[in-house]
Amino acid sequence: MILNVPPCSKPRMTQRDRWAKRQCVLDFFAFRDRIKQELKEKSALLIDEPPFNWDELNIIFLVPMPKSWSKKKKALMAGKPMQQRPDIDNYLKGLFDATHEEDATIWKVTASKIWTDGAGKIIIN
């Protein structure tokens, strides 16, 4: 399954975020809503396929490169592992918070984050 939503890491939220939301928190809430909408649309199209197995996952986060990078650097980094922040566990927390009420049923996850020159995506196998 491919989710055409750029990956977003889950921010560390504080009590203050209840009334004075920071931009990173607003971005995460928008990401969460887009994931839910995308899953709703995909499930409507996949009526004849077996249900998606959410307890054992292989996830690839295709992270868009910064616009400030040169074309040369973008060409060099396309398809390479993303080895900087945000950490992969924060991407996973963001995805699981968007898709699960309780993620205790997930027992195996393989995840990677890769640079992409195009729009970001999340690939779930």
PDB file of N, CA and C in Angstrom:
ATOM      1  N   MET A   1       0.853  -1.166   0.000  1.00  0.00           N
ATOM      2  CA  MET A   1       0.000   0.000   0.000  1.00  0.00           C
ATOM      3  C   MET A   1       0.900   1.229   0.000  1.00  0.00           C
ATOM      4  N   ILE A   2       0.586   2.179  -0.840  1.00  0.00           N
ATOM      5  CA  ILE A   2       1.341   3.433  -0.916  1.00  0.00           C
ATOM      6  C   ILE A   2       0.439   4.557  -0.444  1.00  0.00           C
ATOM      7  N   LEU A   3       0.901   5.285   0.556  1.00  0.00           N
ATOM      8  CA  LEU A   3       0.187   6.467   1.050  1.00  0.00           C
ATOM      9  C   LEU A   3       0.885   7.695   0.491  1.00  0.00           C
ATOM     10  N   ASN A   4       0.195   8.459  -0.320  1.00  0.00           N
ATOM     11  CA  ASN A   4       0.779   9.642  -0.945  1.00  0.00           C
ATOM     12  C   ASN A   4       0.743  10.835  -0.005  1.00  0.00           C
ATOM     13  N   VAL A   5       1.372  10.665   1.132  1.00  0.00           N
ATOM     14  CA  VAL A   5       1.447  11.702   2.159  1.00  0.00           C
ATOM     15  C   VAL A   5       2.907  11.805   2.582  1.00  0.00           C
ATOM     16  N   PRO A   6       3.496  12.997   2.563  1.00  0.00           N
ATOM     17  CA  PRO A   6       4.883  13.114   3.024  1.00  0.00           C
ATOM     18  C   PRO A   6       5.004  12.726   4.492  1.00  0.00           C
ATOM     19  N   PRO A   7       6.033  11.954   4.854  1.00  0.00           N
ATOM     20  CA  PRO A   7       6.195  11.543   6.250  1.00  0.00           C
ATOM     21  C   PRO A   7       6.329  12.734   7.193  1.00  0.00           C
ATOM     22  N   CYS A   8       5.806  12.573   8.386  1.00  0.00           N
ATOM     23  CA  CYS A   8       5.885  13.609   9.412  1.00  0.00           C
ATOM     24  C   CYS A   8       6.176  12.910  10.736  1.00  0.00           C
ATOM     25  N   SER A   9       7.168  13.400  11.443  1.00  0.00           N
ATOM     26  CA  SER A   9       7.496  12.786  12.729  1.00  0.00           C
ATOM     27  C   SER A   9       6.578  13.336  13.805  1.00  0.00           C
ATOM     28  N   LYS A  10       6.389  12.549  14.847  1.00  0.00           N
ATOM     29  CA  LYS A  10       5.553  12.995  15.951  1.00  0.00           C
ATOM     30  C   LYS A  10       6.367  13.912  16.856  1.00  0.00           C
ATOM     31  N   PRO A  11       5.878  15.123  17.111  1.00  0.00           N
ATOM     32  CA  PRO A  11       6.614  16.022  18.005  1.00  0.00           C
ATOM     33  C   PRO A  11       6.391  15.647  19.460  1.00  0.00           C
ATOM     34  N   ARG A  12       7.299  16.068  20.296  1.00  0.00           N
ATOM     35  CA  ARG A  12       7.121  15.894  21.742  1.00  0.00           C
ATOM     36  C   ARG A  12       6.191  16.996  22.206  1.00  0.00           C
ATOM     37  N   MET A  13       4.995  16.617  22.606  1.00  0.00           N
ATOM     38  CA  MET A  13       3.993  17.611  22.979  1.00  0.00           C
ATOM     39  C   MET A  13       4.053  17.909  24.476  1.00  0.00           C
ATOM     40  N   THR A  14       3.701  19.134  24.800  1.00  0.00           N
ATOM     41  CA  THR A  14       3.686  19.581  26.189  1.00  0.00           C
ATOM     42  C   THR A  14       2.266  19.984  26.564  1.00  0.00           C
ATOM     43  N   GLN A  15       2.042  20.268  27.828  1.00  0.00           N
ATOM     44  CA  GLN A  15       0.722  20.736  28.287  1.00  0.00           C
ATOM     45  C   GLN A  15       0.333  22.017  27.567  1.00  0.00           C
ATOM     46  N   ARG A  16       1.304  22.858  27.295  1.00  0.00           N
ATOM     47  CA  ARG A  16       1.018  24.138  26.660  1.00  0.00           C
ATOM     48  C   ARG A  16       0.416  23.970  25.263  1.00  0.00           C
ATOM     49  N   ASP A  17       0.724  22.857  24.609  1.00  0.00           N
ATOM     50  CA  ASP A  17       0.203  22.610  23.263  1.00  0.00           C
ATOM     51  C   ASP A  17      -1.311  22.441  23.239  1.00  0.00           C
ATOM     52  N   ARG A  18      -1.941  22.298  24.397  1.00  0.00           N
ATOM     53  CA  ARG A  18      -3.405  22.217  24.440  1.00  0.00           C
ATOM     54  C   ARG A  18      -4.053  23.531  24.053  1.00  0.00           C
ATOM     55  N   TRP A  19      -3.411  24.650  24.398  1.00  0.00           N
ATOM     56  CA  TRP A  19      -4.031  25.947  24.094  1.00  0.00           C
ATOM     57  C   TRP A  19      -3.200  26.827  23.170  1.00  0.00           C
ATOM     58  N   ALA A  20      -1.902  26.648  23.130  1.00  0.00           N
ATOM     59  CA  ALA A  20      -1.046  27.447  22.255  1.00  0.00           C
ATOM     60  C   ALA A  20      -0.239  26.487  21.394  1.00  0.00           C
ATOM     61  N   LYS A  21      -0.841  26.009  20.345  1.00  0.00           N
ATOM     62  CA  LYS A  21      -0.230  24.972  19.524  1.00  0.00           C
ATOM     63  C   LYS A  21       0.939  25.523  18.702  1.00  0.00           C
ATOM     64  N   ARG A  22       2.052  24.808  18.771  1.00  0.00           N
ATOM     65  CA  ARG A  22       3.212  25.148  17.951  1.00  0.00           C
ATOM     66  C   ARG A  22       2.983  24.658  16.523  1.00  0.00           C
ATOM     67  N   GLN A  23       3.736  25.203  15.586  1.00  0.00           N
ATOM     68  CA  GLN A  23       3.562  24.837  14.178  1.00  0.00           C
ATOM     69  C   GLN A  23       3.843  23.352  13.947  1.00  0.00           C
ATOM     70  N   CYS A  24       4.838  22.791  14.633  1.00  0.00           N
ATOM     71  CA  CYS A  24       5.139  21.367  14.442  1.00  0.00           C
ATOM     72  C   CYS A  24       3.974  20.493  14.898  1.00  0.00           C
ATOM     73  N   VAL A  25       3.248  20.929  15.928  1.00  0.00           N
ATOM     74  CA  VAL A  25       2.082  20.183  16.401  1.00  0.00           C
ATOM     75  C   VAL A  25       0.940  20.295  15.394  1.00  0.00           C
ATOM     76  N   LEU A  26       0.719  21.483  14.865  1.00  0.00           N
ATOM     77  CA  LEU A  26      -0.320  21.672  13.844  1.00  0.00           C
ATOM     78  C   LEU A  26      -0.010  20.858  12.595  1.00  0.00           C
ATOM     79  N   ASP A  27       1.271  20.823  12.198  1.00  0.00           N
ATOM     80  CA  ASP A  27       1.678  20.023  11.039  1.00  0.00           C
ATOM     81  C   ASP A  27       1.412  18.538  11.282  1.00  0.00           C
ATOM     82  N   PHE A  28       1.697  18.062  12.500  1.00  0.00           N
ATOM     83  CA  PHE A  28       1.442  16.658  12.816  1.00  0.00           C
ATOM     84  C   PHE A  28      -0.050  16.340  12.770  1.00  0.00           C
ATOM     85  N   PHE A  29      -0.890  17.208  13.322  1.00  0.00           N
ATOM     86  CA  PHE A  29      -2.333  16.973  13.281  1.00  0.00           C
ATOM     87  C   PHE A  29      -2.840  16.938  11.842  1.00  0.00           C
ATOM     88  N   ALA A  30      -2.312  17.810  10.980  1.00  0.00           N
ATOM     89  CA  ALA A  30      -2.696  17.796   9.563  1.00  0.00           C
ATOM     90  C   ALA A  30      -2.244  16.486   8.906  1.00  0.00           C
ATOM     91  N   PHE A  31      -1.033  16.026   9.231  1.00  0.00           N
ATOM     92  CA  PHE A  31      -0.525  14.753   8.719  1.00  0.00           C
ATOM     93  C   PHE A  31      -1.423  13.601   9.148  1.00  0.00           C
ATOM     94  N   ARG A  32      -1.776  13.573  10.419  1.00  0.00           N
ATOM     95  CA  ARG A  32      -2.638  12.516  10.958  1.00  0.00           C
ATOM     96  C   ARG A  32      -3.976  12.482  10.226  1.00  0.00           C
ATOM     97  N   ASP A  33      -4.565  13.651  10.001  1.00  0.00           N
ATOM     98  CA  ASP A  33      -5.850  13.715   9.306  1.00  0.00           C
ATOM     99  C   ASP A  33      -5.728  13.262   7.854  1.00  0.00           C
ATOM    100  N   ARG A  34      -4.620  13.621   7.186  1.00  0.00           N
ATOM    101  CA  ARG A  34      -4.415  13.198   5.794  1.00  0.00           C
ATOM    102  C   ARG A  34      -4.232  11.686   5.697  1.00  0.00           C
ATOM    103  N   ILE A  35      -3.524  11.094   6.657  1.00  0.00           N
ATOM    104  CA  ILE A  35      -3.341   9.631   6.672  1.00  0.00           C
ATOM    105  C   ILE A  35      -4.688   8.942   6.831  1.00  0.00           C
ATOM    106  N   LYS A  36      -5.490   9.417   7.773  1.00  0.00           N
ATOM    107  CA  LYS A  36      -6.806   8.811   7.992  1.00  0.00           C
ATOM    108  C   LYS A  36      -7.668   8.917   6.740  1.00  0.00           C
ATOM    109  N   GLN A  37      -7.638  10.062   6.084  1.00  0.00           N
ATOM    110  CA  GLN A  37      -8.420  10.255   4.860  1.00  0.00           C
ATOM    111  C   GLN A  37      -7.918   9.334   3.747  1.00  0.00           C
ATOM    112  N   GLU A  38      -6.615   9.236   3.604  1.00  0.00           N
ATOM    113  CA  GLU A  38      -6.034   8.376   2.566  1.00  0.00           C
ATOM    114  C   GLU A  38      -6.392   6.903   2.807  1.00  0.00           C
ATOM    115  N   LEU A  39      -6.334   6.471   4.062  1.00  0.00           N
ATOM    116  CA  LEU A  39      -6.699   5.083   4.374  1.00  0.00           C
ATOM    117  C   LEU A  39      -8.176   4.821   4.110  1.00  0.00           C
ATOM    118  N   LYS A  40      -9.008   5.806   4.400  1.00  0.00           N
ATOM    119  CA  LYS A  40     -10.439   5.655   4.134  1.00  0.00           C
ATOM    120  C   LYS A  40     -10.687   5.509   2.632  1.00  0.00           C
ATOM    121  N   GLU A  41      -9.998   6.319   1.830  1.00  0.00           N
ATOM    122  CA  GLU A  41     -10.151   6.240   0.374  1.00  0.00           C
ATOM    123  C   GLU A  41      -9.613   4.912  -0.156  1.00  0.00           C
ATOM    124  N   LYS A  42      -8.453   4.471   0.350  1.00  0.00           N
ATOM    125  CA  LYS A  42      -7.860   3.205  -0.108  1.00  0.00           C
ATOM    126  C   LYS A  42      -8.743   2.020   0.271  1.00  0.00           C
ATOM    127  N   SER A  43      -9.307   2.023   1.480  1.00  0.00           N
ATOM    128  CA  SER A  43     -10.144   0.899   1.895  1.00  0.00           C
ATOM    129  C   SER A  43     -11.422   0.832   1.071  1.00  0.00           C
ATOM    130  N   ALA A  44     -11.922   1.975   0.607  1.00  0.00           N
ATOM    131  CA  ALA A  44     -13.101   1.973  -0.248  1.00  0.00           C
ATOM    132  C   ALA A  44     -12.776   1.355  -1.609  1.00  0.00           C
ATOM    133  N   LEU A  45     -11.527   1.507  -2.077  1.00  0.00           N
ATOM    134  CA  LEU A  45     -11.131   0.957  -3.372  1.00  0.00           C
ATOM    135  C   LEU A  45     -10.726  -0.506  -3.298  1.00  0.00           C
ATOM    136  N   LEU A  46     -10.326  -0.980  -2.118  1.00  0.00           N
ATOM    137  CA  LEU A  46      -9.784  -2.327  -1.974  1.00  0.00           C
ATOM    138  C   LEU A  46     -10.792  -3.302  -1.365  1.00  0.00           C
ATOM    139  N   ILE A  47     -12.022  -3.233  -1.792  1.00  0.00           N
ATOM    140  CA  ILE A  47     -13.071  -4.054  -1.203  1.00  0.00           C
ATOM    141  C   ILE A  47     -12.834  -5.540  -1.460  1.00  0.00           C
ATOM    142  N   ASP A  48     -12.334  -5.912  -2.638  1.00  0.00           N
ATOM    143  CA  ASP A  48     -12.175  -7.315  -2.996  1.00  0.00           C
ATOM    144  C   ASP A  48     -10.882  -7.942  -2.470  1.00  0.00           C
ATOM    145  N   GLU A  49      -9.961  -7.134  -1.958  1.00  0.00           N
ATOM    146  CA  GLU A  49      -8.695  -7.660  -1.461  1.00  0.00           C
ATOM    147  C   GLU A  49      -8.818  -8.056   0.006  1.00  0.00           C
ATOM    148  N   PRO A  50      -7.958  -8.974   0.474  1.00  0.00           N
ATOM    149  CA  PRO A  50      -8.008  -9.357   1.886  1.00  0.00           C
ATOM    150  C   PRO A  50      -7.630  -8.177   2.776  1.00  0.00           C
ATOM    151  N   PRO A  51      -8.051  -8.187   4.022  1.00  0.00           N
ATOM    152  CA  PRO A  51      -7.730  -7.076   4.907  1.00  0.00           C
ATOM    153  C   PRO A  51      -6.229  -6.923   5.104  1.00  0.00           C
ATOM    154  N   PHE A  52      -5.799  -5.716   5.282  1.00  0.00           N
ATOM    155  CA  PHE A  52      -4.391  -5.396   5.450  1.00  0.00           C
ATOM    156  C   PHE A  52      -3.916  -5.876   6.812  1.00  0.00           C
ATOM    157  N   ASN A  53      -2.771  -6.535   6.860  1.00  0.00           N
ATOM    158  CA  ASN A  53      -2.222  -7.073   8.107  1.00  0.00           C
ATOM    159  C   ASN A  53      -1.406  -5.982   8.806  1.00  0.00           C
ATOM    160  N   TRP A  54      -1.977  -5.381   9.848  1.00  0.00           N
ATOM    161  CA  TRP A  54      -1.328  -4.269  10.546  1.00  0.00           C
ATOM    162  C   TRP A  54      -0.438  -4.713  11.694  1.00  0.00           C
ATOM    163  N   ASP A  55      -0.314  -6.014  11.955  1.00  0.00           N
ATOM    164  CA  ASP A  55       0.487  -6.406  13.120  1.00  0.00           C
ATOM    165  C   ASP A  55       1.933  -6.755  12.771  1.00  0.00           C
ATOM    166  N   GLU A  56       2.243  -6.968  11.499  1.00  0.00           N
ATOM    167  CA  GLU A  56       3.605  -7.238  11.048  1.00  0.00           C
ATOM    168  C   GLU A  56       3.862  -6.364   9.825  1.00  0.00           C
ATOM    169  N   LEU A  57       4.736  -5.378   9.966  1.00  0.00           N
ATOM    170  CA  LEU A  57       4.845  -4.332   8.948  1.00  0.00           C
ATOM    171  C   LEU A  57       6.259  -4.157   8.414  1.00  0.00           C
ATOM    172  N   ASN A  58       6.344  -3.819   7.138  1.00  0.00           N
ATOM    173  CA  ASN A  58       7.572  -3.355   6.507  1.00  0.00           C
ATOM    174  C   ASN A  58       7.253  -1.969   5.949  1.00  0.00           C
ATOM    175  N   ILE A  59       7.872  -0.938   6.497  1.00  0.00           N
ATOM    176  CA  ILE A  59       7.515   0.444   6.163  1.00  0.00           C
ATOM    177  C   ILE A  59       8.726   1.160   5.590  1.00  0.00           C
ATOM    178  N   ILE A  60       8.515   1.863   4.481  1.00  0.00           N
ATOM    179  CA  ILE A  60       9.555   2.692   3.877  1.00  0.00           C
ATOM    180  C   ILE A  60       9.026   4.118   3.834  1.00  0.00           C
ATOM    181  N   PHE A  61       9.744   5.017   4.479  1.00  0.00           N
ATOM    182  CA  PHE A  61       9.399   6.438   4.459  1.00  0.00           C
ATOM    183  C   PHE A  61      10.237   7.100   3.376  1.00  0.00           C
ATOM    184  N   LEU A  62       9.600   7.603   2.336  1.00  0.00           N
ATOM    185  CA  LEU A  62      10.296   8.347   1.291  1.00  0.00           C
ATOM    186  C   LEU A  62      10.207   9.827   1.659  1.00  0.00           C
ATOM    187  N   VAL A  63      11.312  10.375   2.119  1.00  0.00           N
ATOM    188  CA  VAL A  63      11.352  11.730   2.663  1.00  0.00           C
ATOM    189  C   VAL A  63      11.824  12.696   1.582  1.00  0.00           C
ATOM    190  N   PRO A  64      11.052  13.764   1.309  1.00  0.00           N
ATOM    191  CA  PRO A  64      11.481  14.729   0.297  1.00  0.00           C
ATOM    192  C   PRO A  64      12.728  15.487   0.742  1.00  0.00           C
ATOM    193  N   MET A  65      13.586  15.774  -0.213  1.00  0.00           N
ATOM    194  CA  MET A  65      14.815  16.516   0.077  1.00  0.00           C
ATOM    195  C   MET A  65      14.495  17.994   0.304  1.00  0.00           C
ATOM    196  N   PRO A  66      15.318  18.661   1.106  1.00  0.00           N
ATOM    197  CA  PRO A  66      15.099  20.096   1.322  1.00  0.00           C
ATOM    198  C   PRO A  66      15.229  20.884   0.023  1.00  0.00           C
ATOM    199  N   LYS A  67      14.412  21.891  -0.142  1.00  0.00           N
ATOM    200  CA  LYS A  67      14.444  22.724  -1.346  1.00  0.00           C
ATOM    201  C   LYS A  67      15.743  23.506  -1.462  1.00  0.00           C
ATOM    202  N   SER A  68      16.416  23.710  -0.331  1.00  0.00           N
ATOM    203  CA  SER A  68      17.648  24.494  -0.335  1.00  0.00           C
ATOM    204  C   SER A  68      18.835  23.717  -0.912  1.00  0.00           C
ATOM    205  N   TRP A  69      18.712  22.399  -1.075  1.00  0.00           N
ATOM    206  CA  TRP A  69      19.808  21.615  -1.617  1.00  0.00           C
ATOM    207  C   TRP A  69      19.999  21.912  -3.100  1.00  0.00           C
ATOM    208  N   SER A  70      21.240  21.851  -3.555  1.00  0.00           N
ATOM    209  CA  SER A  70      21.544  22.061  -4.973  1.00  0.00           C
ATOM    210  C   SER A  70      21.092  20.846  -5.786  1.00  0.00           C
ATOM    211  N   LYS A  71      20.971  21.043  -7.089  1.00  0.00           N
ATOM    212  CA  LYS A  71      20.580  19.928  -7.964  1.00  0.00           C
ATOM    213  C   LYS A  71      21.621  18.811  -7.915  1.00  0.00           C
ATOM    214  N   LYS A  72      22.889  19.193  -7.791  1.00  0.00           N
ATOM    215  CA  LYS A  72      23.963  18.206  -7.713  1.00  0.00           C
ATOM    216  C   LYS A  72      23.822  17.351  -6.456  1.00  0.00           C
ATOM    217  N   LYS A  73      23.557  17.985  -5.326  1.00  0.00           N
ATOM    218  CA  LYS A  73      23.402  17.245  -4.082  1.00  0.00           C
ATOM    219  C   LYS A  73      22.151  16.373  -4.120  1.00  0.00           C
ATOM    220  N   LYS A  74      21.063  16.897  -4.708  1.00  0.00           N
ATOM    221  CA  LYS A  74      19.835  16.104  -4.823  1.00  0.00           C
ATOM    222  C   LYS A  74      20.064  14.856  -5.674  1.00  0.00           C
ATOM    223  N   ALA A  75      20.797  15.020  -6.780  1.00  0.00           N
ATOM    224  CA  ALA A  75      21.086  13.883  -7.653  1.00  0.00           C
ATOM    225  C   ALA A  75      21.954  12.854  -6.924  1.00  0.00           C
ATOM    226  N   LEU A  76      22.868  13.327  -6.092  1.00  0.00           N
ATOM    227  CA  LEU A  76      23.750  12.439  -5.348  1.00  0.00           C
ATOM    228  C   LEU A  76      23.006  11.673  -4.256  1.00  0.00           C
ATOM    229  N   MET A  77      22.047  12.311  -3.598  1.00  0.00           N
ATOM    230  CA  MET A  77      21.372  11.720  -2.437  1.00  0.00           C
ATOM    231  C   MET A  77      20.087  10.951  -2.775  1.00  0.00           C
ATOM    232  N   ALA A  78      19.568  11.067  -3.976  1.00  0.00           N
ATOM    233  CA  ALA A  78      18.315  10.394  -4.348  1.00  0.00           C
ATOM    234  C   ALA A  78      18.432   8.883  -4.145  1.00  0.00           C
ATOM    235  N   GLY A  79      17.501   8.316  -3.374  1.00  0.00           N
ATOM    236  CA  GLY A  79      17.476   6.886  -3.121  1.00  0.00           C
ATOM    237  C   GLY A  79      18.415   6.419  -2.028  1.00  0.00           C
ATOM    238  N   LYS A  80      19.176   7.319  -1.436  1.00  0.00           N
ATOM    239  CA  LYS A  80      20.113   6.970  -0.368  1.00  0.00           C
ATOM    240  C   LYS A  80      19.397   7.004   0.984  1.00  0.00           C
ATOM    241  N   PRO A  81      19.930   6.279   1.969  1.00  0.00           N
ATOM    242  CA  PRO A  81      19.338   6.314   3.310  1.00  0.00           C
ATOM    243  C   PRO A  81      19.418   7.723   3.914  1.00  0.00           C
ATOM    244  N   MET A  82      18.359   8.106   4.589  1.00  0.00           N
ATOM    245  CA  MET A  82      18.337   9.383   5.304  1.00  0.00           C
ATOM    246  C   MET A  82      18.907   9.121   6.696  1.00  0.00           C
ATOM    247  N   GLN A  83      20.058   9.678   6.986  1.00  0.00           N
ATOM    248  CA  GLN A  83      20.739   9.397   8.240  1.00  0.00           C
ATOM    249  C   GLN A  83      20.848  10.646   9.099  1.00  0.00           C
ATOM    250  N   GLN A  84      19.769  11.365   9.219  1.00  0.00           N
ATOM    251  CA  GLN A  84      19.718  12.549  10.065  1.00  0.00           C
ATOM    252  C   GLN A  84      18.343  12.664  10.680  1.00  0.00           C
ATOM    253  N   ARG A  85      18.145  13.688  11.474  1.00  0.00           N
ATOM    254  CA  ARG A  85      16.871  13.861  12.165  1.00  0.00           C
ATOM    255  C   ARG A  85      15.794  14.293  11.196  1.00  0.00           C
ATOM    256  N   PRO A  86      14.550  13.987  11.479  1.00  0.00           N
ATOM    257  CA  PRO A  86      14.005  13.282  12.626  1.00  0.00           C
ATOM    258  C   PRO A  86      14.313  11.787  12.582  1.00  0.00           C
ATOM    259  N   ASP A  87      14.376  11.211  13.779  1.00  0.00           N
ATOM    260  CA  ASP A  87      14.697   9.792  13.922  1.00  0.00           C
ATOM    261  C   ASP A  87      13.553   8.928  13.392  1.00  0.00           C
ATOM    262  N   ILE A  88      13.909   7.709  13.016  1.00  0.00           N
ATOM    263  CA  ILE A  88      12.918   6.806  12.426  1.00  0.00           C
ATOM    264  C   ILE A  88      11.824   6.438  13.427  1.00  0.00           C
ATOM    265  N   ASP A  89      12.163   6.362  14.719  1.00  0.00           N
ATOM    266  CA  ASP A  89      11.134   6.016  15.702  1.00  0.00           C
ATOM    267  C   ASP A  89      10.079   7.107  15.814  1.00  0.00           C
ATOM    268  N   ASN A  90      10.457   8.362  15.569  1.00  0.00           N
ATOM    269  CA  ASN A  90       9.462   9.440  15.594  1.00  0.00           C
ATOM    270  C   ASN A  90       8.542   9.380  14.373  1.00  0.00           C
ATOM    271  N   TYR A  91       9.087   8.961  13.221  1.00  0.00           N
ATOM    272  CA  TYR A  91       8.226   8.734  12.054  1.00  0.00           C
ATOM    273  C   TYR A  91       7.238   7.601  12.338  1.00  0.00           C
ATOM    274  N   LEU A  92       7.733   6.520  12.951  1.00  0.00           N
ATOM    275  CA  LEU A  92       6.857   5.390  13.278  1.00  0.00           C
ATOM    276  C   LEU A  92       5.777   5.795  14.270  1.00  0.00           C
ATOM    277  N   LYS A  93       6.137   6.552  15.297  1.00  0.00           N
ATOM    278  CA  LYS A  93       5.140   7.018  16.272  1.00  0.00           C
ATOM    279  C   LYS A  93       4.069   7.857  15.591  1.00  0.00           C
ATOM    280  N   GLY A  94       4.489   8.724  14.678  1.00  0.00           N
ATOM    281  CA  GLY A  94       3.516   9.548  13.958  1.00  0.00           C
ATOM    282  C   GLY A  94       2.565   8.717  13.121  1.00  0.00           C
ATOM    283  N   LEU A  95       3.106   7.717  12.407  1.00  0.00           N
ATOM    284  CA  LEU A  95       2.259   6.852  11.581  1.00  0.00           C
ATOM    285  C   LEU A  95       1.323   6.014  12.438  1.00  0.00           C
ATOM    286  N   PHE A  96       1.836   5.415  13.520  1.00  0.00           N
ATOM    287  CA  PHE A  96       0.996   4.569  14.355  1.00  0.00           C
ATOM    288  C   PHE A  96      -0.072   5.370  15.089  1.00  0.00           C
ATOM    289  N   ASP A  97       0.229   6.589  15.486  1.00  0.00           N
ATOM    290  CA  ASP A  97      -0.785   7.433  16.123  1.00  0.00           C
ATOM    291  C   ASP A  97      -1.891   7.794  15.143  1.00  0.00           C
ATOM    292  N   ALA A  98      -1.547   7.884  13.862  1.00  0.00           N
ATOM    293  CA  ALA A  98      -2.550   8.204  12.851  1.00  0.00           C
ATOM    294  C   ALA A  98      -3.397   6.989  12.474  1.00  0.00           C
ATOM    295  N   THR A  99      -2.859   5.778  12.656  1.00  0.00           N
ATOM    296  CA  THR A  99      -3.557   4.592  12.164  1.00  0.00           C
ATOM    297  C   THR A  99      -4.129   3.698  13.260  1.00  0.00           C
ATOM    298  N   HIS A 100      -3.708   3.858  14.505  1.00  0.00           N
ATOM    299  CA  HIS A 100      -4.114   2.948  15.571  1.00  0.00           C
ATOM    300  C   HIS A 100      -4.617   3.688  16.792  1.00  0.00           C
ATOM    301  N   GLU A 101      -5.660   3.154  17.383  1.00  0.00           N
ATOM    302  CA  GLU A 101      -6.070   3.624  18.712  1.00  0.00           C
ATOM    303  C   GLU A 101      -5.100   3.061  19.744  1.00  0.00           C
ATOM    304  N   GLU A 102      -4.782   1.779  19.577  1.00  0.00           N
ATOM    305  CA  GLU A 102      -3.853   1.084  20.476  1.00  0.00           C
ATOM    306  C   GLU A 102      -2.917   0.263  19.605  1.00  0.00           C
ATOM    307  N   ASP A 103      -1.633   0.574  19.637  1.00  0.00           N
ATOM    308  CA  ASP A 103      -0.695  -0.111  18.751  1.00  0.00           C
ATOM    309  C   ASP A 103       0.044  -1.265  19.428  1.00  0.00           C
ATOM    310  N   ALA A 104      -0.512  -1.797  20.514  1.00  0.00           N
ATOM    311  CA  ALA A 104       0.111  -2.913  21.214  1.00  0.00           C
ATOM    312  C   ALA A 104       0.066  -4.203  20.393  1.00  0.00           C
ATOM    313  N   THR A 105      -0.808  -4.296  19.401  1.00  0.00           N
ATOM    314  CA  THR A 105      -0.918  -5.515  18.600  1.00  0.00           C
ATOM    315  C   THR A 105       0.213  -5.642  17.583  1.00  0.00           C
ATOM    316  N   ILE A 106       0.914  -4.571  17.314  1.00  0.00           N
ATOM    317  CA  ILE A 106       2.030  -4.622  16.367  1.00  0.00           C
ATOM    318  C   ILE A 106       3.203  -5.286  17.065  1.00  0.00           C
ATOM    319  N   TRP A 107       3.686  -6.364  16.478  1.00  0.00           N
ATOM    320  CA  TRP A 107       4.761  -7.098  17.126  1.00  0.00           C
ATOM    321  C   TRP A 107       6.045  -7.129  16.313  1.00  0.00           C
ATOM    322  N   LYS A 108       5.979  -6.753  15.037  1.00  0.00           N
ATOM    323  CA  LYS A 108       7.183  -6.761  14.213  1.00  0.00           C
ATOM    324  C   LYS A 108       7.127  -5.619  13.212  1.00  0.00           C
ATOM    325  N   VAL A 109       8.170  -4.803  13.217  1.00  0.00           N
ATOM    326  CA  VAL A 109       8.245  -3.671  12.291  1.00  0.00           C
ATOM    327  C   VAL A 109       9.644  -3.615  11.699  1.00  0.00           C
ATOM    328  N   THR A 110       9.705  -3.502  10.387  1.00  0.00           N
ATOM    329  CA  THR A 110      10.942  -3.221   9.679  1.00  0.00           C
ATOM    330  C   THR A 110      10.727  -1.880   8.999  1.00  0.00           C
ATOM    331  N   ALA A 111      11.602  -0.922   9.277  1.00  0.00           N
ATOM    332  CA  ALA A 111      11.386   0.415   8.749  1.00  0.00           C
ATOM    333  C   ALA A 111      12.683   1.001   8.206  1.00  0.00           C
ATOM    334  N   SER A 112      12.533   1.848   7.193  1.00  0.00           N
ATOM    335  CA  SER A 112      13.677   2.578   6.652  1.00  0.00           C
ATOM    336  C   SER A 112      13.189   3.937   6.171  1.00  0.00           C
ATOM    337  N   LYS A 113      14.124   4.885   6.109  1.00  0.00           N
ATOM    338  CA  LYS A 113      13.800   6.209   5.590  1.00  0.00           C
ATOM    339  C   LYS A 113      14.809   6.543   4.504  1.00  0.00           C
ATOM    340  N   ILE A 114      14.274   6.896   3.343  1.00  0.00           N
ATOM    341  CA  ILE A 114      15.059   7.076   2.126  1.00  0.00           C
ATOM    342  C   ILE A 114      14.778   8.472   1.565  1.00  0.00           C
ATOM    343  N   TRP A 115      15.822   9.121   1.054  1.00  0.00           N
ATOM    344  CA  TRP A 115      15.628  10.421   0.403  1.00  0.00           C
ATOM    345  C   TRP A 115      14.947  10.223  -0.952  1.00  0.00           C
ATOM    346  N   THR A 116      14.035  11.124  -1.275  1.00  0.00           N
ATOM    347  CA  THR A 116      13.409  11.119  -2.594  1.00  0.00           C
ATOM    348  C   THR A 116      13.407  12.533  -3.146  1.00  0.00           C
ATOM    349  N   ASP A 117      13.552  12.629  -4.455  1.00  0.00           N
ATOM    350  CA  ASP A 117      13.566  13.941  -5.115  1.00  0.00           C
ATOM    351  C   ASP A 117      12.148  14.422  -5.380  1.00  0.00           C
ATOM    352  N   GLY A 118      11.195  13.519  -5.354  1.00  0.00           N
ATOM    353  CA  GLY A 118       9.798  13.887  -5.613  1.00  0.00           C
ATOM    354  C   GLY A 118       9.051  14.168  -4.332  1.00  0.00           C
ATOM    355  N   ALA A 119       7.748  14.009  -4.415  1.00  0.00           N
ATOM    356  CA  ALA A 119       6.900  14.193  -3.230  1.00  0.00           C
ATOM    357  C   ALA A 119       7.111  13.016  -2.286  1.00  0.00           C
ATOM    358  N   GLY A 120       6.995  13.271  -0.999  1.00  0.00           N
ATOM    359  CA  GLY A 120       7.172  12.220  -0.016  1.00  0.00           C
ATOM    360  C   GLY A 120       6.024  11.231  -0.046  1.00  0.00           C
ATOM    361  N   LYS A 121       6.324   9.991   0.351  1.00  0.00           N
ATOM    362  CA  LYS A 121       5.331   8.914   0.402  1.00  0.00           C
ATOM    363  C   LYS A 121       5.676   7.980   1.539  1.00  0.00           C
ATOM    364  N   ILE A 122       4.715   7.172   1.885  1.00  0.00           N
ATOM    365  CA  ILE A 122       4.925   6.110   2.850  1.00  0.00           C
ATOM    366  C   ILE A 122       4.479   4.810   2.191  1.00  0.00           C
ATOM    367  N   ILE A 123       5.386   3.854   2.122  1.00  0.00           N
ATOM    368  CA  ILE A 123       5.097   2.562   1.502  1.00  0.00           C
ATOM    369  C   ILE A 123       4.993   1.534   2.619  1.00  0.00           C
ATOM    370  N   ILE A 124       3.861   0.826   2.676  1.00  0.00           N
ATOM    371  CA  ILE A 124       3.622  -0.183   3.702  1.00  0.00           C
ATOM    372  C   ILE A 124       3.402  -1.524   3.019  1.00  0.00           C
ATOM    373  N   ASN A 125       4.219  -2.514   3.380  1.00  0.00           N
ATOM    374  CA  ASN A 125       4.087  -3.874   2.822  1.00  0.00           C
ATOM    375  C   ASN A 125       3.656  -4.811   3.935  1.00  0.00           C
TER     376      ASN A 125
END
